[in-house]
Amino acid sequence: MRHWLMKTEPSTFSVDDLAAARGQTTGWDGVRNFQARNMLRDEMRRGDQAFLYYSS
């Protein structure tokens, strides 16, 4: 199991949005950094844990 640090802005995606999502899971789109996008696509697996924090 891997651990991931995820960053978002509360106005874009909030914990309330995640709680309201079906199965409390969602896709992550709008990733601008190609290295981050590739890691999400190629290395993140079901069962991995993520820590979500907000930046402003």
N, C-alpha and C. Protein backbone atom coordinates (compact mmCIF):
# COMPACT_ATOMS: atom_id res chain seq x y z
N MET A 1 0.85 -1.17 0.00
CA MET A 1 0.00 0.00 0.00
C MET A 1 0.90 1.24 0.00
N ARG A 2 0.53 2.19 -0.84
CA ARG A 2 1.24 3.46 -0.90
C ARG A 2 0.41 4.55 -0.24
N HIS A 3 1.08 5.62 0.10
CA HIS A 3 0.42 6.79 0.67
C HIS A 3 0.68 7.96 -0.26
N TRP A 4 -0.36 8.74 -0.52
CA TRP A 4 -0.28 9.85 -1.45
C TRP A 4 -0.71 11.14 -0.77
N LEU A 5 -0.05 12.23 -1.13
CA LEU A 5 -0.41 13.55 -0.65
C LEU A 5 -1.07 14.28 -1.82
N MET A 6 -2.34 14.63 -1.64
CA MET A 6 -3.12 15.27 -2.70
C MET A 6 -3.44 16.70 -2.27
N LYS A 7 -3.29 17.64 -3.19
CA LYS A 7 -3.54 19.05 -2.89
C LYS A 7 -4.64 19.57 -3.80
N THR A 8 -5.54 20.36 -3.23
CA THR A 8 -6.61 20.96 -4.00
C THR A 8 -7.00 22.29 -3.37
N GLU A 9 -7.75 23.05 -4.09
CA GLU A 9 -8.31 24.28 -3.54
C GLU A 9 -9.76 24.00 -3.16
N PRO A 10 -10.21 24.46 -1.99
CA PRO A 10 -11.56 24.13 -1.53
C PRO A 10 -12.65 24.60 -2.48
N SER A 11 -12.38 25.65 -3.23
CA SER A 11 -13.40 26.13 -4.18
C SER A 11 -13.49 25.23 -5.40
N THR A 12 -12.46 24.43 -5.66
CA THR A 12 -12.44 23.52 -6.80
C THR A 12 -12.97 22.14 -6.43
N PHE A 13 -12.51 21.60 -5.31
CA PHE A 13 -12.94 20.27 -4.85
C PHE A 13 -12.78 20.23 -3.34
N SER A 14 -13.86 20.00 -2.64
CA SER A 14 -13.82 20.02 -1.17
C SER A 14 -14.08 18.64 -0.59
N VAL A 15 -13.85 18.52 0.70
CA VAL A 15 -14.15 17.27 1.40
C VAL A 15 -15.65 16.98 1.30
N ASP A 16 -16.47 18.01 1.31
CA ASP A 16 -17.91 17.81 1.15
C ASP A 16 -18.23 17.22 -0.22
N ASP A 17 -17.50 17.65 -1.25
CA ASP A 17 -17.68 17.07 -2.58
C ASP A 17 -17.33 15.58 -2.57
N LEU A 18 -16.24 15.24 -1.90
CA LEU A 18 -15.83 13.84 -1.81
C LEU A 18 -16.85 13.02 -1.04
N ALA A 19 -17.35 13.55 0.07
CA ALA A 19 -18.35 12.84 0.87
C ALA A 19 -19.63 12.61 0.08
N ALA A 20 -19.97 13.54 -0.80
CA ALA A 20 -21.19 13.42 -1.59
C ALA A 20 -21.02 12.53 -2.81
N ALA A 21 -19.79 12.21 -3.17
CA ALA A 21 -19.53 11.39 -4.36
C ALA A 21 -19.98 9.95 -4.13
N ARG A 22 -20.43 9.33 -5.17
CA ARG A 22 -20.88 7.93 -5.09
C ARG A 22 -19.73 7.05 -4.61
N GLY A 23 -19.95 6.33 -3.54
CA GLY A 23 -18.93 5.47 -2.97
C GLY A 23 -17.76 6.23 -2.36
N GLN A 24 -17.93 7.51 -2.20
CA GLN A 24 -16.89 8.41 -1.68
C GLN A 24 -15.58 8.27 -2.46
N THR A 25 -15.72 8.07 -3.77
CA THR A 25 -14.58 8.05 -4.68
C THR A 25 -14.92 8.93 -5.87
N THR A 26 -13.89 9.40 -6.53
CA THR A 26 -14.11 10.26 -7.69
C THR A 26 -12.87 10.26 -8.57
N GLY A 27 -13.05 10.67 -9.80
CA GLY A 27 -11.91 10.87 -10.69
C GLY A 27 -11.24 12.19 -10.37
N TRP A 28 -10.00 12.32 -10.74
CA TRP A 28 -9.25 13.55 -10.50
C TRP A 28 -8.84 14.09 -11.86
N ASP A 29 -9.53 15.14 -12.29
CA ASP A 29 -9.20 15.72 -13.60
C ASP A 29 -8.63 17.12 -13.41
N GLY A 30 -8.11 17.68 -14.45
CA GLY A 30 -7.55 19.03 -14.38
C GLY A 30 -6.14 19.07 -13.83
N VAL A 31 -5.45 17.95 -13.81
CA VAL A 31 -4.06 17.93 -13.34
C VAL A 31 -3.19 18.53 -14.44
N ARG A 32 -2.52 19.63 -14.14
CA ARG A 32 -1.75 20.34 -15.16
C ARG A 32 -0.32 19.82 -15.29
N ASN A 33 0.24 19.32 -14.22
CA ASN A 33 1.62 18.84 -14.25
C ASN A 33 1.65 17.44 -14.83
N PHE A 34 2.41 17.25 -15.92
CA PHE A 34 2.38 15.95 -16.59
C PHE A 34 2.97 14.84 -15.73
N GLN A 35 3.96 15.14 -14.89
CA GLN A 35 4.52 14.10 -14.02
C GLN A 35 3.51 13.65 -12.98
N ALA A 36 2.78 14.59 -12.41
CA ALA A 36 1.74 14.25 -11.43
C ALA A 36 0.63 13.45 -12.10
N ARG A 37 0.23 13.87 -13.30
CA ARG A 37 -0.81 13.15 -14.03
C ARG A 37 -0.38 11.71 -14.29
N ASN A 38 0.86 11.51 -14.71
CA ASN A 38 1.35 10.17 -15.00
C ASN A 38 1.41 9.31 -13.74
N MET A 39 1.78 9.89 -12.61
CA MET A 39 1.81 9.11 -11.37
C MET A 39 0.41 8.69 -10.96
N LEU A 40 -0.55 9.61 -11.09
CA LEU A 40 -1.94 9.26 -10.77
C LEU A 40 -2.43 8.14 -11.68
N ARG A 41 -2.12 8.24 -12.93
CA ARG A 41 -2.60 7.28 -13.92
C ARG A 41 -1.90 5.93 -13.80
N ASP A 42 -0.58 5.95 -13.60
CA ASP A 42 0.21 4.72 -13.71
C ASP A 42 0.54 4.05 -12.38
N GLU A 43 0.58 4.81 -11.30
CA GLU A 43 1.09 4.26 -10.05
C GLU A 43 0.07 4.17 -8.93
N MET A 44 -0.95 5.01 -8.93
CA MET A 44 -1.94 4.97 -7.86
C MET A 44 -2.86 3.77 -8.06
N ARG A 45 -3.07 3.02 -7.01
CA ARG A 45 -3.87 1.79 -7.09
C ARG A 45 -4.98 1.79 -6.05
N ARG A 46 -5.98 1.01 -6.33
CA ARG A 46 -7.06 0.80 -5.37
C ARG A 46 -6.46 0.26 -4.07
N GLY A 47 -6.89 0.83 -2.96
CA GLY A 47 -6.37 0.43 -1.66
C GLY A 47 -5.28 1.34 -1.14
N ASP A 48 -4.68 2.15 -2.02
CA ASP A 48 -3.71 3.15 -1.56
C ASP A 48 -4.44 4.19 -0.72
N GLN A 49 -3.73 4.82 0.17
CA GLN A 49 -4.33 5.85 1.00
C GLN A 49 -3.86 7.23 0.54
N ALA A 50 -4.76 8.19 0.63
CA ALA A 50 -4.43 9.56 0.23
C ALA A 50 -4.77 10.53 1.35
N PHE A 51 -3.90 11.49 1.54
CA PHE A 51 -4.13 12.58 2.48
C PHE A 51 -4.42 13.81 1.64
N LEU A 52 -5.58 14.42 1.85
CA LEU A 52 -6.02 15.57 1.06
C LEU A 52 -5.83 16.84 1.87
N TYR A 53 -5.14 17.82 1.27
CA TYR A 53 -5.03 19.10 1.96
C TYR A 53 -5.36 20.23 1.02
N TYR A 54 -5.79 21.34 1.60
CA TYR A 54 -6.20 22.51 0.84
C TYR A 54 -5.08 23.53 0.75
N SER A 55 -4.98 24.16 -0.39
CA SER A 55 -4.10 25.32 -0.53
C SER A 55 -4.96 26.47 -1.03
N SER A 56 -4.49 27.65 -0.84
CA SER A 56 -5.28 28.79 -1.32
C SER A 56 -4.41 29.77 -2.07
